[in-house]
Amino acid sequence: MALTQSIDSFSIHPLNEPHVQRNNVIPFLAARVRLQITLPHRPQELAGTQLRALLHSPLGVYVVATQAVRQEIRVQLDIAPDDLDFTLHTLIATLPAAMIGPLKRRTAAVMAR
């Protein structure tokens, strides 16, 4: 059975009228939060082993900054508040030794980037 209806009949407006582009959509930045976690450095492991495990986990897409300070690695995750439950469960399952830090609202300077 073949389709006999023309694609032109699905048009919303007549073809002889010019297309009007509407710019009434106002973009806004969704509320995001920063979650800082600390990965302790253990002497028997390589320094990047835990970080590598985090980056290859589903949480790797949320990582926005890493910093090595003394005997630990600090990682900042940029997440939507709706993803907090998923993030915490995955973090605990992936890196149980990680220390979960404060949850802070993103600053305006970071949003402008």
N, C-alpha and C. Protein backbone atom coordinates (compact mmCIF):
# COMPACT_ATOMS: atom_id res chain seq x y z
N MET A 1 0.84 -1.16 0.00
CA MET A 1 0.00 0.00 0.00
C MET A 1 0.89 1.23 0.00
N ALA A 2 0.65 2.11 -0.92
CA ALA A 2 1.49 3.30 -1.07
C ALA A 2 0.82 4.51 -0.46
N LEU A 3 1.63 5.43 -0.01
CA LEU A 3 1.13 6.69 0.54
C LEU A 3 0.80 7.62 -0.62
N THR A 4 -0.45 8.01 -0.71
CA THR A 4 -0.88 8.84 -1.84
C THR A 4 -1.00 10.31 -1.48
N GLN A 5 -0.86 10.65 -0.20
CA GLN A 5 -1.02 12.04 0.21
C GLN A 5 0.28 12.80 -0.01
N SER A 6 0.18 14.02 -0.47
CA SER A 6 1.34 14.84 -0.74
C SER A 6 1.91 15.41 0.56
N ILE A 7 3.19 15.59 0.60
CA ILE A 7 3.85 16.20 1.76
C ILE A 7 3.40 17.64 1.93
N ASP A 8 3.08 18.33 0.83
CA ASP A 8 2.66 19.73 0.90
C ASP A 8 1.35 19.90 1.66
N SER A 9 0.52 18.89 1.73
CA SER A 9 -0.75 19.03 2.44
C SER A 9 -0.56 19.10 3.95
N PHE A 10 0.63 18.78 4.44
CA PHE A 10 0.91 18.86 5.87
C PHE A 10 1.36 20.25 6.29
N SER A 11 1.50 21.14 5.35
CA SER A 11 1.96 22.49 5.63
C SER A 11 0.97 23.22 6.53
N ILE A 12 1.48 23.98 7.51
CA ILE A 12 0.65 24.71 8.44
C ILE A 12 0.13 25.99 7.81
N HIS A 13 0.94 26.66 7.03
CA HIS A 13 0.56 27.92 6.39
C HIS A 13 0.66 27.77 4.87
N PRO A 14 -0.07 28.59 4.15
CA PRO A 14 -0.02 28.51 2.69
C PRO A 14 1.38 28.79 2.17
N LEU A 15 1.72 28.13 1.07
CA LEU A 15 3.06 28.27 0.53
C LEU A 15 3.34 29.64 -0.08
N ASN A 16 2.29 30.37 -0.49
CA ASN A 16 2.52 31.66 -1.12
C ASN A 16 2.77 32.78 -0.11
N GLU A 17 2.54 32.54 1.19
CA GLU A 17 2.83 33.55 2.21
C GLU A 17 4.26 33.41 2.68
N PRO A 18 4.92 34.55 2.97
CA PRO A 18 6.30 34.47 3.46
C PRO A 18 6.33 33.88 4.87
N HIS A 19 7.39 33.19 5.14
CA HIS A 19 7.58 32.58 6.46
C HIS A 19 7.98 33.65 7.46
N VAL A 20 7.29 33.73 8.57
CA VAL A 20 7.58 34.71 9.61
C VAL A 20 8.33 34.00 10.73
N GLN A 21 9.51 34.50 11.03
CA GLN A 21 10.30 33.91 12.10
C GLN A 21 10.00 34.66 13.38
N ARG A 22 9.66 33.95 14.40
CA ARG A 22 9.32 34.58 15.68
C ARG A 22 10.48 34.41 16.65
N ASN A 23 10.87 35.51 17.25
CA ASN A 23 11.96 35.51 18.24
C ASN A 23 11.40 35.80 19.62
N ASN A 24 10.37 35.09 20.00
CA ASN A 24 9.78 35.32 21.30
C ASN A 24 10.22 34.30 22.35
N VAL A 25 11.22 33.54 22.05
CA VAL A 25 11.76 32.56 22.99
C VAL A 25 12.88 33.22 23.76
N ILE A 26 12.75 33.26 25.06
CA ILE A 26 13.76 33.88 25.91
C ILE A 26 14.59 32.77 26.54
N PRO A 27 15.86 32.69 26.18
CA PRO A 27 16.69 31.64 26.79
C PRO A 27 17.03 32.00 28.23
N PHE A 28 17.05 31.03 29.08
CA PHE A 28 17.47 31.25 30.45
C PHE A 28 18.30 30.05 30.90
N LEU A 29 19.20 30.32 31.81
CA LEU A 29 20.06 29.27 32.31
C LEU A 29 19.33 28.49 33.39
N ALA A 30 19.33 27.21 33.26
CA ALA A 30 18.70 26.36 34.26
C ALA A 30 19.49 26.43 35.55
N ALA A 31 18.81 26.28 36.64
CA ALA A 31 19.48 26.28 37.94
C ALA A 31 20.39 25.06 38.03
N ARG A 32 21.63 25.30 38.31
CA ARG A 32 22.61 24.23 38.46
C ARG A 32 23.32 24.42 39.80
N VAL A 33 23.86 23.36 40.31
CA VAL A 33 24.58 23.42 41.58
C VAL A 33 25.94 22.77 41.41
N ARG A 34 26.86 23.17 42.27
CA ARG A 34 28.19 22.58 42.30
C ARG A 34 28.32 21.69 43.52
N LEU A 35 28.82 20.51 43.30
CA LEU A 35 29.08 19.55 44.37
C LEU A 35 30.56 19.27 44.38
N GLN A 36 31.20 19.53 45.52
CA GLN A 36 32.64 19.26 45.62
C GLN A 36 32.84 17.94 46.34
N ILE A 37 33.68 17.10 45.76
CA ILE A 37 34.03 15.84 46.39
C ILE A 37 35.55 15.77 46.49
N THR A 38 36.01 15.04 47.48
CA THR A 38 37.44 14.88 47.71
C THR A 38 37.80 13.41 47.62
N LEU A 39 38.77 13.12 46.80
CA LEU A 39 39.26 11.75 46.65
C LEU A 39 40.56 11.62 47.41
N PRO A 40 40.58 10.83 48.47
CA PRO A 40 41.82 10.69 49.23
C PRO A 40 42.87 9.91 48.45
N HIS A 41 44.10 10.34 48.58
CA HIS A 41 45.21 9.65 47.91
C HIS A 41 45.73 8.59 48.86
N ARG A 42 45.73 7.36 48.40
CA ARG A 42 46.26 6.26 49.20
C ARG A 42 47.64 5.90 48.68
N PRO A 43 48.60 5.69 49.55
CA PRO A 43 49.97 5.40 49.09
C PRO A 43 50.07 4.15 48.21
N GLN A 44 49.26 3.13 48.46
CA GLN A 44 49.39 1.91 47.68
C GLN A 44 48.76 2.01 46.30
N GLU A 45 48.00 3.07 46.03
CA GLU A 45 47.37 3.23 44.72
C GLU A 45 48.03 4.38 43.97
N LEU A 46 47.88 4.35 42.67
CA LEU A 46 48.32 5.48 41.88
C LEU A 46 47.39 6.66 42.15
N ALA A 47 47.93 7.88 42.06
CA ALA A 47 47.15 9.07 42.39
C ALA A 47 45.92 9.22 41.49
N GLY A 48 46.02 8.81 40.24
CA GLY A 48 44.93 9.03 39.31
C GLY A 48 43.94 7.88 39.19
N THR A 49 44.13 6.81 39.95
CA THR A 49 43.26 5.65 39.81
C THR A 49 41.81 5.98 40.16
N GLN A 50 41.62 6.65 41.28
CA GLN A 50 40.26 7.00 41.69
C GLN A 50 39.65 8.04 40.75
N LEU A 51 40.46 9.01 40.34
CA LEU A 51 39.97 10.02 39.41
C LEU A 51 39.60 9.37 38.07
N ARG A 52 40.41 8.45 37.62
CA ARG A 52 40.13 7.74 36.37
C ARG A 52 38.82 6.96 36.48
N ALA A 53 38.60 6.32 37.63
CA ALA A 53 37.35 5.58 37.85
C ALA A 53 36.15 6.52 37.82
N LEU A 54 36.31 7.72 38.40
CA LEU A 54 35.22 8.69 38.40
C LEU A 54 34.93 9.21 36.99
N LEU A 55 35.98 9.51 36.25
CA LEU A 55 35.79 10.05 34.90
C LEU A 55 35.20 9.02 33.94
N HIS A 56 35.45 7.74 34.17
CA HIS A 56 34.90 6.70 33.30
C HIS A 56 33.53 6.19 33.78
N SER A 57 33.06 6.72 34.90
CA SER A 57 31.73 6.36 35.40
C SER A 57 30.69 7.28 34.74
N PRO A 58 29.42 7.03 34.97
CA PRO A 58 28.40 7.94 34.43
C PRO A 58 28.52 9.37 34.95
N LEU A 59 29.23 9.57 36.06
CA LEU A 59 29.40 10.91 36.62
C LEU A 59 30.48 11.72 35.89
N GLY A 60 31.21 11.10 35.01
CA GLY A 60 32.28 11.80 34.30
C GLY A 60 31.80 13.00 33.51
N VAL A 61 30.56 12.98 33.04
CA VAL A 61 30.03 14.10 32.27
C VAL A 61 29.77 15.32 33.14
N TYR A 62 29.68 15.14 34.44
CA TYR A 62 29.43 16.26 35.35
C TYR A 62 30.69 16.94 35.85
N VAL A 63 31.85 16.34 35.65
CA VAL A 63 33.11 16.89 36.17
C VAL A 63 33.47 18.17 35.41
N VAL A 64 33.65 19.27 36.16
CA VAL A 64 34.01 20.54 35.53
C VAL A 64 35.38 21.04 35.98
N ALA A 65 35.90 20.54 37.10
CA ALA A 65 37.21 20.99 37.58
C ALA A 65 37.82 19.92 38.47
N THR A 66 39.14 19.81 38.38
CA THR A 66 39.89 18.93 39.28
C THR A 66 41.09 19.70 39.80
N GLN A 67 41.50 19.38 41.01
CA GLN A 67 42.64 20.07 41.61
C GLN A 67 43.34 19.11 42.56
N ALA A 68 44.64 18.96 42.40
CA ALA A 68 45.42 18.13 43.30
C ALA A 68 45.98 19.02 44.40
N VAL A 69 45.62 18.71 45.64
CA VAL A 69 46.07 19.48 46.80
C VAL A 69 46.61 18.50 47.82
N ARG A 70 47.89 18.63 48.14
CA ARG A 70 48.58 17.76 49.09
C ARG A 70 48.33 16.29 48.79
N GLN A 71 47.65 15.60 49.69
CA GLN A 71 47.43 14.17 49.53
C GLN A 71 46.01 13.83 49.07
N GLU A 72 45.36 14.76 48.36
CA GLU A 72 43.99 14.52 47.92
C GLU A 72 43.73 15.16 46.57
N ILE A 73 42.68 14.72 45.94
CA ILE A 73 42.25 15.29 44.66
C ILE A 73 40.85 15.84 44.88
N ARG A 74 40.67 17.13 44.60
CA ARG A 74 39.36 17.77 44.73
C ARG A 74 38.71 17.84 43.36
N VAL A 75 37.47 17.44 43.31
CA VAL A 75 36.73 17.39 42.05
C VAL A 75 35.43 18.17 42.23
N GLN A 76 35.11 19.01 41.25
CA GLN A 76 33.84 19.73 41.28
C GLN A 76 32.92 19.15 40.21
N LEU A 77 31.69 18.85 40.62
CA LEU A 77 30.68 18.36 39.71
C LEU A 77 29.63 19.44 39.51
N ASP A 78 29.21 19.66 38.29
CA ASP A 78 28.17 20.64 37.96
C ASP A 78 26.93 19.85 37.58
N ILE A 79 25.93 19.86 38.47
CA ILE A 79 24.76 19.02 38.26
C ILE A 79 23.47 19.84 38.38
N ALA A 80 22.42 19.30 37.82
CA ALA A 80 21.09 19.87 38.02
C ALA A 80 20.57 19.35 39.36
N PRO A 81 19.79 20.16 40.08
CA PRO A 81 19.27 19.68 41.37
C PRO A 81 18.47 18.38 41.24
N ASP A 82 17.84 18.16 40.11
CA ASP A 82 17.08 16.93 39.91
C ASP A 82 17.98 15.70 39.82
N ASP A 83 19.24 15.89 39.49
CA ASP A 83 20.18 14.78 39.35
C ASP A 83 20.94 14.47 40.64
N LEU A 84 20.63 15.16 41.72
CA LEU A 84 21.38 14.98 42.97
C LEU A 84 21.26 13.56 43.50
N ASP A 85 20.07 13.00 43.48
CA ASP A 85 19.86 11.64 43.99
C ASP A 85 20.69 10.64 43.19
N PHE A 86 20.62 10.71 41.86
CA PHE A 86 21.41 9.84 41.00
C PHE A 86 22.91 10.02 41.25
N THR A 87 23.33 11.27 41.38
CA THR A 87 24.75 11.57 41.57
C THR A 87 25.28 10.97 42.86
N LEU A 88 24.55 11.15 43.95
CA LEU A 88 25.01 10.63 45.23
C LEU A 88 25.03 9.10 45.25
N HIS A 89 24.01 8.47 44.71
CA HIS A 89 23.99 7.01 44.68
C HIS A 89 25.12 6.44 43.82
N THR A 90 25.35 7.05 42.66
CA THR A 90 26.42 6.58 41.78
C THR A 90 27.79 6.84 42.39
N LEU A 91 27.94 7.98 43.04
CA LEU A 91 29.22 8.31 43.68
C LEU A 91 29.55 7.32 44.79
N ILE A 92 28.58 7.02 45.62
CA ILE A 92 28.80 6.07 46.71
C ILE A 92 29.11 4.68 46.18
N ALA A 93 28.45 4.28 45.10
CA ALA A 93 28.70 2.96 44.52
C ALA A 93 30.06 2.90 43.81
N THR A 94 30.45 4.01 43.17
CA THR A 94 31.70 4.02 42.40
C THR A 94 32.92 4.25 43.27
N LEU A 95 32.85 5.23 44.16
CA LEU A 95 33.98 5.59 45.01
C LEU A 95 33.52 5.74 46.46
N PRO A 96 33.40 4.64 47.19
CA PRO A 96 32.92 4.73 48.57
C PRO A 96 33.85 5.50 49.50
N ALA A 97 35.12 5.66 49.16
CA ALA A 97 36.07 6.38 50.01
C ALA A 97 36.03 7.89 49.78
N ALA A 98 35.30 8.34 48.78
CA ALA A 98 35.24 9.77 48.47
C ALA A 98 34.48 10.51 49.57
N MET A 99 34.99 11.71 49.89
CA MET A 99 34.32 12.55 50.87
C MET A 99 33.45 13.56 50.12
N ILE A 100 32.17 13.57 50.43
CA ILE A 100 31.22 14.47 49.76
C ILE A 100 31.23 15.79 50.49
N GLY A 101 31.48 16.86 49.74
CA GLY A 101 31.57 18.19 50.31
C GLY A 101 30.27 18.96 50.19
N PRO A 102 30.37 20.27 50.30
CA PRO A 102 29.16 21.10 50.27
C PRO A 102 28.54 21.19 48.89
N LEU A 103 27.24 21.43 48.89
CA LEU A 103 26.48 21.65 47.67
C LEU A 103 26.20 23.14 47.60
N LYS A 104 26.67 23.80 46.54
CA LYS A 104 26.53 25.25 46.42
C LYS A 104 25.90 25.61 45.10
N ARG A 105 25.14 26.70 45.11
CA ARG A 105 24.56 27.22 43.87
C ARG A 105 25.67 27.81 43.02
N ARG A 106 25.57 27.62 41.71
CA ARG A 106 26.57 28.16 40.79
C ARG A 106 26.54 29.68 40.83
N THR A 107 27.71 30.30 40.75
CA THR A 107 27.78 31.76 40.75
C THR A 107 27.51 32.30 39.37
N ALA A 108 27.14 33.58 39.29
CA ALA A 108 26.83 34.22 38.01
C ALA A 108 28.05 34.26 37.10
N ALA A 109 29.25 34.40 37.66
CA ALA A 109 30.47 34.45 36.84
C ALA A 109 30.70 33.14 36.13
N VAL A 110 30.39 32.03 36.77
CA VAL A 110 30.56 30.72 36.15
C VAL A 110 29.51 30.52 35.08
N MET A 111 28.28 31.01 35.31
CA MET A 111 27.20 30.83 34.33
C MET A 111 27.46 31.58 33.04
N ALA A 112 28.19 32.69 33.12
CA ALA A 112 28.41 33.52 31.93
C ALA A 112 29.39 32.90 30.95
N ARG A 113 30.14 31.91 31.35
CA ARG A 113 31.13 31.29 30.48
C ARG A 113 30.55 30.54 29.35
